Every structure is written in C-alpha cells, then in structure tokens.
Amino acid sequence: MQNPKLVKATLKEGSFFQIYDEEDYTLQNQVIQKEFIEHQVIDHPTFEGCAFENVLFSENTFTRLEVTDCIFKNCDFSNANLQQSTIHRTQFVDCKLVGTKFSESYLGNVLFKECYMPFSNFSDSKIKSVGFEKSDLSNGDIVESNLQITTFTECKLENINLYDTSLRKIDLSSCHFDTLDTQKENIRGCILNQFQAIYFAQKYLAIQIKG
C-alpha cells in the first residue's frame, strides 16, 4: 500500500469553504482544522494534498469526489454521500463514517485505521490495496464489489453484507463476527480462524458440532 505523498510542514492553513473560490471546486495543499461543514452539495469536488483534522463533514453530498494524497484525522463523515468517488493514497484515521456511502467508487491505496463506520456502504466498488485496521464495519454493505489486495485486521464485521463479493485470499481470521451475510461460493479461498470456519460449516453444510 502506498502512503499519501504529503509533507504537512509545506501546507498552508486554509478553510474548506475556499473550495467555492474555484470554478472546478478544488482544494490543494492545505491544512484544514476544526471546521463544521454540513449539508453542502457539490458535484465532482477535488481534494489534493490536504490534511483535515477534527473536521465535521456530516450529511454532505460530494458525488464524484476525487481525493488524492490526503489524510483525514478525527473527522466525521456520518451520513455523507460520496458515491462514485475516486480515492487514492489517502488515510482515514480515528474517523467516524456512520452510514457513509462510498458505493460505485474506486478506492486504491487507502487506509481506514481505528474508524467507527457501521452501516457504511461500499457496494458496486473496486477496492484495491485497501486496509481496514481495528475498525467497526458492522451492518455495512460491500455487495457486488471487487476486493483486491484488501486486508481486514482486528475489525468488527458483525452482520456485514458481502453478497456477490469474492473473499478469495481475504484474511478475516483476526476479525470478529457472529453473523456475516455472503454466499457459499464466495468464501472459497477465504482465510478464517477455527470459530469462523465452524460458523460457515454450520451455515452452509448443515454440519453439527458436538462439544
């Protein structure tokens, strides 16, 4: 996974609302801190080489968002609509993404670390070289998506919907879930711990385990 190409010391202090100064809705090379950005509707905004800290992005609609070489730390994207986004070399650290829509998007070289993101939606997306670390994705959707070189490390995946998404070579062994929705053919080649393997055996093969 490639890290953001970002040198914070070279960035300028700025405001998100400077994006409206540009006809193409672009933010570049800025540090944006402690702002409240709510109920904004922008089609095809671009964030490039920016650091966002303690920023509230709740309930915004940023369709076709393009993000490159950015870091979001302790930001809140709850109920934001980011459909059809392209996100590359970007990190979300200690962020809140409850119900955030990433559907129909491309994510490449993206890290979600210690994020709270139940009910988030990554359906119909291409997800390549993406890491989910110690994050809560419970009740989320990753339906009909393409996972390549994607890792889930110590994540909570309770009741996540992975229908029509192949889990081949995906390692879920460090993650927690009691229920997970997928199809039998999609767990072929998935790496599981013994308890997860027993769960799927009981679910799909009607195997009974006697203690």
N, C-alpha and C. Protein backbone atom coordinates (compact mmCIF):
# COMPACT_ATOMS: atom_id res chain seq x y z
N MET A 1 0.83 -1.21 0.00
CA MET A 1 0.00 0.00 0.00
C MET A 1 0.86 1.25 0.00
N GLN A 2 0.54 2.18 -0.86
CA GLN A 2 1.28 3.43 -0.95
C GLN A 2 0.70 4.44 0.03
N ASN A 3 1.58 5.16 0.73
CA ASN A 3 1.16 6.19 1.66
C ASN A 3 0.91 7.51 0.93
N PRO A 4 0.13 8.42 1.53
CA PRO A 4 -0.07 9.73 0.91
C PRO A 4 1.25 10.46 0.73
N LYS A 5 1.40 11.09 -0.41
CA LYS A 5 2.58 11.92 -0.67
C LYS A 5 2.28 13.31 -0.14
N LEU A 6 2.54 13.48 1.15
CA LEU A 6 2.10 14.68 1.84
C LEU A 6 3.15 15.09 2.86
N VAL A 7 3.60 16.34 2.79
CA VAL A 7 4.53 16.92 3.77
C VAL A 7 3.78 18.03 4.47
N LYS A 8 3.32 17.76 5.68
CA LYS A 8 2.43 18.69 6.36
C LYS A 8 3.08 20.06 6.57
N ALA A 9 4.38 20.09 6.79
CA ALA A 9 5.07 21.36 7.05
C ALA A 9 4.99 22.31 5.86
N THR A 10 4.73 21.80 4.68
CA THR A 10 4.68 22.64 3.49
C THR A 10 3.26 23.13 3.18
N LEU A 11 2.29 22.69 3.96
CA LEU A 11 0.90 23.05 3.68
C LEU A 11 0.52 24.38 4.30
N LYS A 12 -0.47 25.03 3.71
CA LYS A 12 -0.97 26.31 4.20
C LYS A 12 -2.25 26.11 5.01
N GLU A 13 -2.43 26.91 6.06
CA GLU A 13 -3.68 26.90 6.79
C GLU A 13 -4.79 27.42 5.89
N GLY A 14 -5.91 26.72 5.87
CA GLY A 14 -6.98 27.15 4.99
C GLY A 14 -8.34 26.79 5.53
N SER A 15 -9.36 27.06 4.74
CA SER A 15 -10.74 26.74 5.08
C SER A 15 -11.35 25.92 3.96
N PHE A 16 -12.20 24.97 4.33
CA PHE A 16 -12.88 24.18 3.31
C PHE A 16 -13.65 25.07 2.34
N PHE A 17 -14.22 26.13 2.83
CA PHE A 17 -15.12 26.95 2.02
C PHE A 17 -14.39 27.73 0.93
N GLN A 18 -13.05 27.66 0.94
CA GLN A 18 -12.29 28.21 -0.19
C GLN A 18 -12.53 27.41 -1.47
N ILE A 19 -13.11 26.22 -1.32
CA ILE A 19 -13.39 25.40 -2.50
C ILE A 19 -14.35 26.12 -3.45
N TYR A 20 -15.17 27.01 -2.91
CA TYR A 20 -16.12 27.74 -3.74
C TYR A 20 -15.47 28.90 -4.50
N ASP A 21 -14.20 29.17 -4.19
CA ASP A 21 -13.46 30.21 -4.93
C ASP A 21 -12.99 29.72 -6.28
N GLU A 22 -13.00 28.39 -6.45
CA GLU A 22 -12.51 27.79 -7.69
C GLU A 22 -13.68 27.25 -8.51
N GLU A 23 -13.66 27.52 -9.81
CA GLU A 23 -14.75 27.05 -10.67
C GLU A 23 -14.85 25.54 -10.69
N ASP A 24 -13.71 24.86 -10.52
CA ASP A 24 -13.72 23.39 -10.56
C ASP A 24 -13.77 22.78 -9.16
N TYR A 25 -14.08 23.56 -8.13
CA TYR A 25 -14.25 23.07 -6.76
C TYR A 25 -13.05 22.23 -6.30
N THR A 26 -11.88 22.87 -6.24
CA THR A 26 -10.65 22.18 -5.90
C THR A 26 -10.03 22.75 -4.63
N LEU A 27 -9.57 21.86 -3.75
CA LEU A 27 -8.76 22.24 -2.60
C LEU A 27 -7.40 21.58 -2.75
N GLN A 28 -6.32 22.36 -2.62
CA GLN A 28 -4.98 21.81 -2.79
C GLN A 28 -4.05 22.33 -1.72
N ASN A 29 -3.22 21.43 -1.19
CA ASN A 29 -2.08 21.77 -0.32
C ASN A 29 -2.49 22.65 0.87
N GLN A 30 -3.52 22.20 1.57
CA GLN A 30 -3.99 22.96 2.72
C GLN A 30 -4.13 22.07 3.95
N VAL A 31 -4.01 22.72 5.12
CA VAL A 31 -4.37 22.10 6.39
C VAL A 31 -5.68 22.74 6.83
N ILE A 32 -6.67 21.91 7.08
CA ILE A 32 -7.99 22.41 7.48
C ILE A 32 -8.35 21.77 8.81
N GLN A 33 -8.61 22.60 9.82
CA GLN A 33 -8.82 22.11 11.16
C GLN A 33 -10.08 22.69 11.79
N LYS A 34 -10.78 21.85 12.54
CA LYS A 34 -11.88 22.25 13.41
C LYS A 34 -12.93 23.08 12.68
N GLU A 35 -13.38 22.56 11.54
CA GLU A 35 -14.45 23.24 10.81
C GLU A 35 -15.71 22.38 10.82
N PHE A 36 -16.85 23.05 10.70
CA PHE A 36 -18.13 22.39 10.60
C PHE A 36 -18.65 22.57 9.18
N ILE A 37 -18.73 21.46 8.44
CA ILE A 37 -19.12 21.51 7.03
C ILE A 37 -20.33 20.58 6.89
N GLU A 38 -21.51 21.13 6.86
CA GLU A 38 -22.72 20.34 6.87
C GLU A 38 -23.65 20.74 5.74
N HIS A 39 -24.35 19.72 5.19
CA HIS A 39 -25.42 19.94 4.21
C HIS A 39 -24.93 20.68 2.96
N GLN A 40 -23.66 20.46 2.59
CA GLN A 40 -23.15 21.01 1.35
C GLN A 40 -23.40 20.01 0.21
N VAL A 41 -23.72 20.51 -0.96
CA VAL A 41 -23.96 19.66 -2.13
C VAL A 41 -23.02 20.13 -3.24
N ILE A 42 -22.03 19.29 -3.58
CA ILE A 42 -21.07 19.63 -4.63
C ILE A 42 -20.88 18.41 -5.53
N ASP A 43 -20.98 18.61 -6.81
CA ASP A 43 -20.71 17.54 -7.75
C ASP A 43 -19.27 17.66 -8.25
N HIS A 44 -18.52 16.58 -8.08
CA HIS A 44 -17.15 16.47 -8.56
C HIS A 44 -16.17 17.46 -7.90
N PRO A 45 -16.17 17.53 -6.56
CA PRO A 45 -15.12 18.29 -5.89
C PRO A 45 -13.81 17.51 -5.89
N THR A 46 -12.69 18.22 -5.69
CA THR A 46 -11.37 17.58 -5.69
C THR A 46 -10.58 18.04 -4.46
N PHE A 47 -10.07 17.07 -3.69
CA PHE A 47 -9.16 17.35 -2.58
C PHE A 47 -7.81 16.74 -2.96
N GLU A 48 -6.78 17.55 -2.98
CA GLU A 48 -5.46 17.06 -3.39
C GLU A 48 -4.39 17.59 -2.44
N GLY A 49 -3.65 16.67 -1.82
CA GLY A 49 -2.55 17.06 -0.95
C GLY A 49 -2.99 17.87 0.25
N CYS A 50 -4.07 17.45 0.92
CA CYS A 50 -4.60 18.19 2.06
C CYS A 50 -4.62 17.32 3.32
N ALA A 51 -4.54 18.00 4.47
CA ALA A 51 -4.68 17.34 5.76
C ALA A 51 -5.89 17.94 6.48
N PHE A 52 -6.83 17.08 6.87
CA PHE A 52 -8.04 17.52 7.56
C PHE A 52 -8.00 16.95 8.98
N GLU A 53 -8.16 17.81 9.98
CA GLU A 53 -8.13 17.37 11.37
C GLU A 53 -9.32 17.94 12.13
N ASN A 54 -10.06 17.05 12.81
CA ASN A 54 -11.21 17.45 13.62
C ASN A 54 -12.22 18.26 12.80
N VAL A 55 -12.54 17.74 11.63
CA VAL A 55 -13.48 18.41 10.73
C VAL A 55 -14.78 17.60 10.66
N LEU A 56 -15.90 18.29 10.79
CA LEU A 56 -17.21 17.65 10.68
C LEU A 56 -17.73 17.80 9.26
N PHE A 57 -17.85 16.66 8.56
CA PHE A 57 -18.36 16.64 7.18
C PHE A 57 -19.75 16.02 7.12
N SER A 58 -20.50 16.07 8.17
CA SER A 58 -21.72 15.29 8.29
C SER A 58 -22.80 15.71 7.29
N GLU A 59 -23.44 14.70 6.69
CA GLU A 59 -24.61 14.86 5.82
C GLU A 59 -24.35 15.77 4.62
N ASN A 60 -23.16 15.66 4.06
CA ASN A 60 -22.86 16.36 2.81
C ASN A 60 -23.05 15.42 1.63
N THR A 61 -23.25 15.98 0.45
CA THR A 61 -23.32 15.21 -0.78
C THR A 61 -22.18 15.66 -1.68
N PHE A 62 -21.15 14.82 -1.76
CA PHE A 62 -19.99 15.09 -2.62
C PHE A 62 -19.90 13.97 -3.66
N THR A 63 -20.81 13.94 -4.63
CA THR A 63 -20.76 12.89 -5.64
C THR A 63 -19.58 13.11 -6.57
N ARG A 64 -19.02 12.01 -7.04
CA ARG A 64 -17.84 12.01 -7.92
C ARG A 64 -16.65 12.74 -7.28
N LEU A 65 -16.56 12.65 -5.97
CA LEU A 65 -15.43 13.23 -5.25
C LEU A 65 -14.12 12.60 -5.69
N GLU A 66 -13.08 13.42 -5.87
CA GLU A 66 -11.74 12.92 -6.15
C GLU A 66 -10.82 13.34 -5.01
N VAL A 67 -10.17 12.35 -4.40
CA VAL A 67 -9.27 12.59 -3.27
C VAL A 67 -7.94 11.92 -3.56
N THR A 68 -6.86 12.68 -3.49
CA THR A 68 -5.52 12.13 -3.72
C THR A 68 -4.55 12.71 -2.69
N ASP A 69 -3.74 11.85 -2.08
CA ASP A 69 -2.68 12.27 -1.16
C ASP A 69 -3.23 13.12 -0.02
N CYS A 70 -4.27 12.62 0.65
CA CYS A 70 -4.88 13.33 1.77
C CYS A 70 -4.89 12.47 3.03
N ILE A 71 -4.95 13.16 4.17
CA ILE A 71 -5.10 12.50 5.46
C ILE A 71 -6.28 13.14 6.19
N PHE A 72 -7.20 12.29 6.64
CA PHE A 72 -8.33 12.74 7.45
C PHE A 72 -8.15 12.15 8.85
N LYS A 73 -8.01 13.01 9.85
CA LYS A 73 -7.78 12.54 11.22
C LYS A 73 -8.88 13.09 12.13
N ASN A 74 -9.54 12.17 12.80
CA ASN A 74 -10.62 12.52 13.72
C ASN A 74 -11.68 13.39 13.03
N CYS A 75 -12.07 12.96 11.84
CA CYS A 75 -13.11 13.66 11.07
C CYS A 75 -14.41 12.85 11.10
N ASP A 76 -15.51 13.52 10.89
CA ASP A 76 -16.83 12.88 10.94
C ASP A 76 -17.52 13.03 9.59
N PHE A 77 -17.68 11.88 8.89
CA PHE A 77 -18.36 11.84 7.60
C PHE A 77 -19.74 11.18 7.73
N SER A 78 -20.32 11.17 8.89
CA SER A 78 -21.56 10.43 9.10
C SER A 78 -22.65 10.88 8.13
N ASN A 79 -23.28 9.88 7.50
CA ASN A 79 -24.39 10.09 6.57
C ASN A 79 -24.02 10.95 5.36
N ALA A 80 -22.74 11.01 5.05
CA ALA A 80 -22.30 11.72 3.84
C ALA A 80 -22.50 10.83 2.62
N ASN A 81 -22.82 11.45 1.51
CA ASN A 81 -22.98 10.74 0.24
C ASN A 81 -21.73 11.00 -0.61
N LEU A 82 -20.88 9.98 -0.73
CA LEU A 82 -19.64 10.08 -1.51
C LEU A 82 -19.68 9.09 -2.67
N GLN A 83 -20.83 8.88 -3.23
CA GLN A 83 -20.98 7.92 -4.32
C GLN A 83 -20.15 8.31 -5.54
N GLN A 84 -19.69 7.29 -6.24
CA GLN A 84 -18.92 7.45 -7.48
C GLN A 84 -17.62 8.23 -7.26
N SER A 85 -17.04 8.04 -6.08
CA SER A 85 -15.79 8.73 -5.75
C SER A 85 -14.57 7.98 -6.27
N THR A 86 -13.48 8.71 -6.40
CA THR A 86 -12.17 8.12 -6.68
C THR A 86 -11.23 8.58 -5.57
N ILE A 87 -10.76 7.62 -4.76
CA ILE A 87 -9.95 7.96 -3.59
C ILE A 87 -8.64 7.19 -3.68
N HIS A 88 -7.52 7.92 -3.66
CA HIS A 88 -6.22 7.30 -3.92
C HIS A 88 -5.18 7.85 -2.94
N ARG A 89 -4.32 6.97 -2.44
CA ARG A 89 -3.25 7.33 -1.50
C ARG A 89 -3.79 8.26 -0.41
N THR A 90 -4.73 7.73 0.36
CA THR A 90 -5.43 8.53 1.37
C THR A 90 -5.62 7.71 2.64
N GLN A 91 -5.59 8.40 3.79
CA GLN A 91 -5.77 7.73 5.07
C GLN A 91 -6.91 8.37 5.85
N PHE A 92 -7.73 7.51 6.45
CA PHE A 92 -8.76 7.94 7.39
C PHE A 92 -8.36 7.36 8.75
N VAL A 93 -8.04 8.21 9.71
CA VAL A 93 -7.54 7.76 11.00
C VAL A 93 -8.47 8.27 12.09
N ASP A 94 -8.99 7.33 12.88
CA ASP A 94 -9.87 7.69 14.00
C ASP A 94 -11.04 8.55 13.52
N CYS A 95 -11.64 8.14 12.41
CA CYS A 95 -12.75 8.90 11.82
C CYS A 95 -14.08 8.20 12.09
N LYS A 96 -15.14 8.97 12.01
CA LYS A 96 -16.49 8.45 12.15
C LYS A 96 -17.16 8.50 10.78
N LEU A 97 -17.60 7.33 10.30
CA LEU A 97 -18.18 7.22 8.96
C LEU A 97 -19.48 6.41 9.02
N VAL A 98 -20.34 6.76 9.94
CA VAL A 98 -21.58 6.02 10.14
C VAL A 98 -22.53 6.29 8.97
N GLY A 99 -22.90 5.23 8.25
CA GLY A 99 -23.82 5.37 7.13
C GLY A 99 -23.25 6.11 5.93
N THR A 100 -21.95 6.22 5.85
CA THR A 100 -21.32 6.93 4.72
C THR A 100 -21.44 6.07 3.46
N LYS A 101 -21.80 6.70 2.35
CA LYS A 101 -21.98 5.99 1.08
C LYS A 101 -20.75 6.16 0.19
N PHE A 102 -20.02 5.05 0.00
CA PHE A 102 -18.91 5.01 -0.95
C PHE A 102 -19.28 4.18 -2.18
N SER A 103 -20.53 3.87 -2.37
CA SER A 103 -20.93 2.95 -3.44
C SER A 103 -20.54 3.48 -4.81
N GLU A 104 -20.27 2.54 -5.73
CA GLU A 104 -19.88 2.83 -7.11
C GLU A 104 -18.58 3.64 -7.18
N SER A 105 -17.68 3.35 -6.26
CA SER A 105 -16.44 4.13 -6.17
C SER A 105 -15.22 3.28 -6.47
N TYR A 106 -14.09 3.96 -6.65
CA TYR A 106 -12.79 3.30 -6.75
C TYR A 106 -11.95 3.77 -5.57
N LEU A 107 -11.42 2.82 -4.79
CA LEU A 107 -10.51 3.13 -3.70
C LEU A 107 -9.22 2.36 -3.92
N GLY A 108 -8.11 3.09 -4.00
CA GLY A 108 -6.81 2.47 -4.19
C GLY A 108 -5.78 3.04 -3.23
N ASN A 109 -5.07 2.16 -2.52
CA ASN A 109 -4.07 2.59 -1.54
C ASN A 109 -4.69 3.50 -0.48
N VAL A 110 -5.76 2.98 0.14
CA VAL A 110 -6.49 3.72 1.15
C VAL A 110 -6.44 2.94 2.47
N LEU A 111 -6.24 3.66 3.57
CA LEU A 111 -6.21 3.06 4.90
C LEU A 111 -7.33 3.63 5.75
N PHE A 112 -8.12 2.73 6.36
CA PHE A 112 -9.09 3.10 7.38
C PHE A 112 -8.57 2.53 8.70
N LYS A 113 -8.10 3.38 9.59
CA LYS A 113 -7.48 2.92 10.83
C LYS A 113 -8.27 3.43 12.04
N GLU A 114 -8.73 2.48 12.86
CA GLU A 114 -9.46 2.80 14.08
C GLU A 114 -10.66 3.71 13.78
N CYS A 115 -11.41 3.34 12.76
CA CYS A 115 -12.57 4.12 12.34
C CYS A 115 -13.86 3.44 12.81
N TYR A 116 -14.84 4.26 13.14
CA TYR A 116 -16.16 3.77 13.52
C TYR A 116 -17.08 4.00 12.33
N MET A 117 -17.43 2.91 11.64
CA MET A 117 -18.09 3.05 10.35
C MET A 117 -19.21 2.04 10.12
N PRO A 118 -20.06 1.78 11.13
CA PRO A 118 -21.19 0.87 10.89
C PRO A 118 -22.15 1.47 9.86
N PHE A 119 -22.83 0.59 9.14
CA PHE A 119 -23.81 0.96 8.11
C PHE A 119 -23.18 1.71 6.93
N SER A 120 -21.86 1.71 6.81
CA SER A 120 -21.23 2.30 5.62
C SER A 120 -21.45 1.39 4.42
N ASN A 121 -21.41 1.98 3.23
CA ASN A 121 -21.77 1.24 2.02
C ASN A 121 -20.68 1.38 0.96
N PHE A 122 -20.04 0.25 0.63
CA PHE A 122 -19.00 0.20 -0.39
C PHE A 122 -19.45 -0.64 -1.59
N SER A 123 -20.73 -0.80 -1.78
CA SER A 123 -21.24 -1.69 -2.82
C SER A 123 -20.91 -1.18 -4.22
N ASP A 124 -20.79 -2.13 -5.16
CA ASP A 124 -20.51 -1.83 -6.57
C ASP A 124 -19.22 -1.03 -6.73
N SER A 125 -18.24 -1.33 -5.90
CA SER A 125 -16.98 -0.58 -5.90
C SER A 125 -15.79 -1.48 -6.21
N LYS A 126 -14.72 -0.86 -6.69
CA LYS A 126 -13.45 -1.54 -6.84
C LYS A 126 -12.55 -1.09 -5.70
N ILE A 127 -12.09 -2.05 -4.92
CA ILE A 127 -11.34 -1.75 -3.71
C ILE A 127 -10.00 -2.48 -3.83
N LYS A 128 -8.94 -1.72 -4.06
CA LYS A 128 -7.64 -2.30 -4.35
C LYS A 128 -6.56 -1.72 -3.44
N SER A 129 -5.80 -2.59 -2.80
CA SER A 129 -4.74 -2.17 -1.87
C SER A 129 -5.33 -1.25 -0.80
N VAL A 130 -6.36 -1.75 -0.14
CA VAL A 130 -7.04 -1.01 0.91
C VAL A 130 -6.93 -1.79 2.21
N GLY A 131 -6.64 -1.07 3.31
CA GLY A 131 -6.53 -1.70 4.61
C GLY A 131 -7.58 -1.17 5.57
N PHE A 132 -8.29 -2.10 6.22
CA PHE A 132 -9.21 -1.75 7.30
C PHE A 132 -8.56 -2.28 8.59
N GLU A 133 -8.18 -1.39 9.50
CA GLU A 133 -7.48 -1.79 10.71
C GLU A 133 -8.24 -1.35 11.95
N LYS A 134 -8.57 -2.31 12.80
CA LYS A 134 -9.22 -2.04 14.07
C LYS A 134 -10.43 -1.11 13.90
N SER A 135 -11.24 -1.39 12.89
CA SER A 135 -12.38 -0.55 12.56
C SER A 135 -13.68 -1.35 12.68
N ASP A 136 -14.76 -0.63 12.92
CA ASP A 136 -16.08 -1.26 13.08
C ASP A 136 -16.89 -1.03 11.81
N LEU A 137 -17.08 -2.11 11.03
CA LEU A 137 -17.87 -2.05 9.79
C LEU A 137 -19.20 -2.78 9.93
N SER A 138 -19.67 -2.96 11.14
CA SER A 138 -20.88 -3.74 11.40
C SER A 138 -22.07 -3.20 10.61
N ASN A 139 -22.89 -4.12 10.13
CA ASN A 139 -24.12 -3.79 9.41
C ASN A 139 -23.87 -3.00 8.13
N GLY A 140 -22.65 -3.06 7.63
CA GLY A 140 -22.33 -2.36 6.39
C GLY A 140 -22.58 -3.23 5.17
N ASP A 141 -22.37 -2.63 4.00
CA ASP A 141 -22.59 -3.33 2.73
C ASP A 141 -21.34 -3.23 1.86
N ILE A 142 -20.85 -4.39 1.43
CA ILE A 142 -19.81 -4.46 0.39
C ILE A 142 -20.32 -5.48 -0.63
N VAL A 143 -21.37 -5.10 -1.32
CA VAL A 143 -22.09 -6.00 -2.22
C VAL A 143 -21.63 -5.78 -3.66
N GLU A 144 -21.43 -6.88 -4.39
CA GLU A 144 -21.04 -6.82 -5.79
C GLU A 144 -19.80 -5.94 -5.98
N SER A 145 -18.84 -6.13 -5.10
CA SER A 145 -17.62 -5.33 -5.16
C SER A 145 -16.43 -6.23 -5.48
N ASN A 146 -15.36 -5.60 -5.92
CA ASN A 146 -14.13 -6.30 -6.30
C ASN A 146 -13.05 -5.96 -5.28
N LEU A 147 -12.68 -6.94 -4.46
CA LEU A 147 -11.65 -6.74 -3.44
C LEU A 147 -10.33 -7.31 -3.94
N GLN A 148 -9.33 -6.45 -4.07
CA GLN A 148 -8.00 -6.89 -4.48
C GLN A 148 -6.97 -6.37 -3.48
N ILE A 149 -6.16 -7.28 -2.98
CA ILE A 149 -5.09 -6.93 -2.02
C ILE A 149 -5.70 -6.09 -0.89
N THR A 150 -6.83 -6.54 -0.37
CA THR A 150 -7.54 -5.83 0.69
C THR A 150 -7.38 -6.59 2.00
N THR A 151 -7.11 -5.86 3.08
CA THR A 151 -6.88 -6.50 4.37
C THR A 151 -7.87 -6.00 5.42
N PHE A 152 -8.30 -6.93 6.26
CA PHE A 152 -9.15 -6.61 7.41
C PHE A 152 -8.42 -7.10 8.65
N THR A 153 -7.98 -6.18 9.49
CA THR A 153 -7.17 -6.53 10.66
C THR A 153 -7.90 -6.11 11.93
N GLU A 154 -8.28 -7.09 12.73
CA GLU A 154 -8.94 -6.84 14.02
C GLU A 154 -10.15 -5.92 13.86
N CYS A 155 -10.96 -6.20 12.86
CA CYS A 155 -12.15 -5.38 12.60
C CYS A 155 -13.40 -6.07 13.14
N LYS A 156 -14.41 -5.28 13.41
CA LYS A 156 -15.72 -5.80 13.78
C LYS A 156 -16.57 -5.85 12.52
N LEU A 157 -17.00 -7.06 12.14
CA LEU A 157 -17.73 -7.25 10.89
C LEU A 157 -19.12 -7.83 11.13
N GLU A 158 -19.67 -7.59 12.28
CA GLU A 158 -20.95 -8.18 12.64
C GLU A 158 -22.05 -7.79 11.65
N ASN A 159 -22.68 -8.81 11.08
CA ASN A 159 -23.83 -8.64 10.20
C ASN A 159 -23.51 -7.83 8.95
N ILE A 160 -22.27 -7.85 8.51
CA ILE A 160 -21.91 -7.15 7.28
C ILE A 160 -22.42 -7.95 6.08
N ASN A 161 -22.81 -7.25 5.04
CA ASN A 161 -23.38 -7.87 3.84
C ASN A 161 -22.31 -7.92 2.75
N LEU A 162 -21.85 -9.12 2.41
CA LEU A 162 -20.81 -9.32 1.40
C LEU A 162 -21.32 -10.16 0.23
N TYR A 163 -22.60 -10.04 -0.06
CA TYR A 163 -23.17 -10.82 -1.16
C TYR A 163 -22.52 -10.44 -2.50
N ASP A 164 -22.30 -11.47 -3.31
CA ASP A 164 -21.74 -11.30 -4.66
C ASP A 164 -20.38 -10.60 -4.65
N THR A 165 -19.63 -10.79 -3.56
CA THR A 165 -18.26 -10.27 -3.44
C THR A 165 -17.35 -11.42 -3.06
N SER A 166 -16.40 -11.72 -3.91
CA SER A 166 -15.48 -12.83 -3.64
C SER A 166 -14.53 -12.49 -2.49
N LEU A 167 -14.37 -13.43 -1.56
CA LEU A 167 -13.46 -13.27 -0.44
C LEU A 167 -12.20 -14.12 -0.62
N ARG A 168 -11.95 -14.54 -1.82
CA ARG A 168 -10.77 -15.34 -2.09
C ARG A 168 -9.49 -14.59 -1.69
N LYS A 169 -8.65 -15.24 -0.91
CA LYS A 169 -7.38 -14.70 -0.40
C LYS A 169 -7.56 -13.56 0.61
N ILE A 170 -8.80 -13.31 1.04
CA ILE A 170 -9.05 -12.30 2.06
C ILE A 170 -8.95 -12.95 3.43
N ASP A 171 -8.16 -12.36 4.32
CA ASP A 171 -7.92 -12.92 5.65
C ASP A 171 -8.83 -12.24 6.66
N LEU A 172 -9.80 -12.97 7.17
CA LEU A 172 -10.72 -12.45 8.18
C LEU A 172 -10.41 -13.01 9.57
N SER A 173 -9.33 -13.74 9.71
CA SER A 173 -9.10 -14.53 10.92
C SER A 173 -8.93 -13.70 12.18
N SER A 174 -8.51 -12.45 12.06
CA SER A 174 -8.33 -11.61 13.25
C SER A 174 -9.58 -10.79 13.57
N CYS A 175 -10.62 -10.94 12.73
CA CYS A 175 -11.82 -10.11 12.87
C CYS A 175 -12.89 -10.81 13.69
N HIS A 176 -13.87 -10.03 14.14
CA HIS A 176 -14.96 -10.59 14.94
C HIS A 176 -16.29 -10.44 14.23
N PHE A 177 -17.04 -11.54 14.20
CA PHE A 177 -18.45 -11.51 13.78
C PHE A 177 -19.12 -12.78 14.27
N ASP A 178 -20.38 -12.65 14.64
CA ASP A 178 -21.20 -13.81 14.95
C ASP A 178 -22.05 -14.20 13.75
N THR A 179 -22.43 -13.21 12.95
CA THR A 179 -23.14 -13.47 11.70
C THR A 179 -22.54 -12.62 10.60
N LEU A 180 -22.52 -13.18 9.41
CA LEU A 180 -21.99 -12.48 8.24
C LEU A 180 -22.73 -13.00 7.02
N ASP A 181 -23.22 -12.09 6.18
CA ASP A 181 -24.03 -12.48 5.03
C ASP A 181 -23.20 -12.54 3.75
N THR A 182 -23.13 -13.73 3.19
CA THR A 182 -22.46 -13.93 1.91
C THR A 182 -22.99 -15.23 1.31
N GLN A 183 -22.42 -15.67 0.22
CA GLN A 183 -22.80 -16.96 -0.37
C GLN A 183 -21.67 -17.96 -0.20
N LYS A 184 -22.05 -19.23 -0.23
CA LYS A 184 -21.08 -20.30 -0.02
C LYS A 184 -19.92 -20.21 -0.99
N GLU A 185 -20.21 -19.91 -2.27
CA GLU A 185 -19.14 -19.88 -3.27
C GLU A 185 -18.18 -18.71 -3.06
N ASN A 186 -18.62 -17.68 -2.35
CA ASN A 186 -17.77 -16.50 -2.18
C ASN A 186 -16.78 -16.63 -1.02
N ILE A 187 -16.93 -17.63 -0.16
CA ILE A 187 -15.95 -17.81 0.91
C ILE A 187 -14.86 -18.80 0.51
N ARG A 188 -14.94 -19.35 -0.70
CA ARG A 188 -13.91 -20.26 -1.17
C ARG A 188 -12.56 -19.53 -1.25
N GLY A 189 -11.57 -20.05 -0.58
CA GLY A 189 -10.24 -19.43 -0.58
C GLY A 189 -10.07 -18.35 0.46
N CYS A 190 -11.12 -18.09 1.26
CA CYS A 190 -11.03 -17.10 2.33
C CYS A 190 -10.26 -17.70 3.51
N ILE A 191 -9.50 -16.87 4.22
CA ILE A 191 -8.71 -17.32 5.36
C ILE A 191 -9.48 -17.01 6.64
N LEU A 192 -9.77 -18.07 7.43
CA LEU A 192 -10.63 -17.95 8.61
C LEU A 192 -9.96 -18.56 9.83
N ASN A 193 -10.41 -18.14 11.00
CA ASN A 193 -9.98 -18.85 12.21
C ASN A 193 -10.94 -20.02 12.46
N GLN A 194 -10.66 -20.84 13.47
CA GLN A 194 -11.43 -22.07 13.65
C GLN A 194 -12.90 -21.79 13.98
N PHE A 195 -13.17 -20.73 14.72
CA PHE A 195 -14.56 -20.43 15.08
C PHE A 195 -15.35 -19.94 13.87
N GLN A 196 -14.71 -19.15 13.04
CA GLN A 196 -15.36 -18.70 11.81
C GLN A 196 -15.61 -19.86 10.86
N ALA A 197 -14.65 -20.76 10.78
CA ALA A 197 -14.81 -21.93 9.92
C ALA A 197 -15.99 -22.79 10.38
N ILE A 198 -16.14 -22.95 11.70
CA ILE A 198 -17.26 -23.70 12.25
C ILE A 198 -18.58 -23.01 11.92
N TYR A 199 -18.60 -21.69 12.02
CA TYR A 199 -19.82 -20.92 11.72
C TYR A 199 -20.26 -21.17 10.28
N PHE A 200 -19.33 -21.08 9.34
CA PHE A 200 -19.70 -21.28 7.94
C PHE A 200 -20.04 -22.74 7.65
N ALA A 201 -19.37 -23.65 8.32
CA ALA A 201 -19.69 -25.07 8.13
C ALA A 201 -21.12 -25.35 8.58
N GLN A 202 -21.51 -24.79 9.71
CA GLN A 202 -22.87 -24.99 10.20
C GLN A 202 -23.90 -24.29 9.30
N LYS A 203 -23.52 -23.12 8.79
CA LYS A 203 -24.46 -22.33 7.99
C LYS A 203 -24.72 -22.94 6.63
N TYR A 204 -23.65 -23.42 5.97
CA TYR A 204 -23.78 -23.84 4.58
C TYR A 204 -23.77 -25.35 4.39
N LEU A 205 -23.23 -26.08 5.34
CA LEU A 205 -23.11 -27.52 5.16
C LEU A 205 -23.98 -28.31 6.15
N ALA A 206 -24.74 -27.60 6.97
CA ALA A 206 -25.63 -28.25 7.95
C ALA A 206 -24.86 -29.21 8.84
N ILE A 207 -23.59 -28.87 9.11
CA ILE A 207 -22.77 -29.71 9.98
C ILE A 207 -23.08 -29.36 11.43
N GLN A 208 -23.22 -30.39 12.27
CA GLN A 208 -23.44 -30.18 13.69
C GLN A 208 -22.16 -30.47 14.44
N ILE A 209 -21.79 -29.55 15.33
CA ILE A 209 -20.56 -29.68 16.11
C ILE A 209 -20.94 -30.11 17.53
N LYS A 210 -20.39 -31.24 17.99
CA LYS A 210 -20.64 -31.71 19.37
C LYS A 210 -19.43 -31.37 20.21
N GLY A 211 -19.70 -30.74 21.35
CA GLY A 211 -18.63 -30.39 22.26
C GLY A 211 -18.25 -31.56 23.15
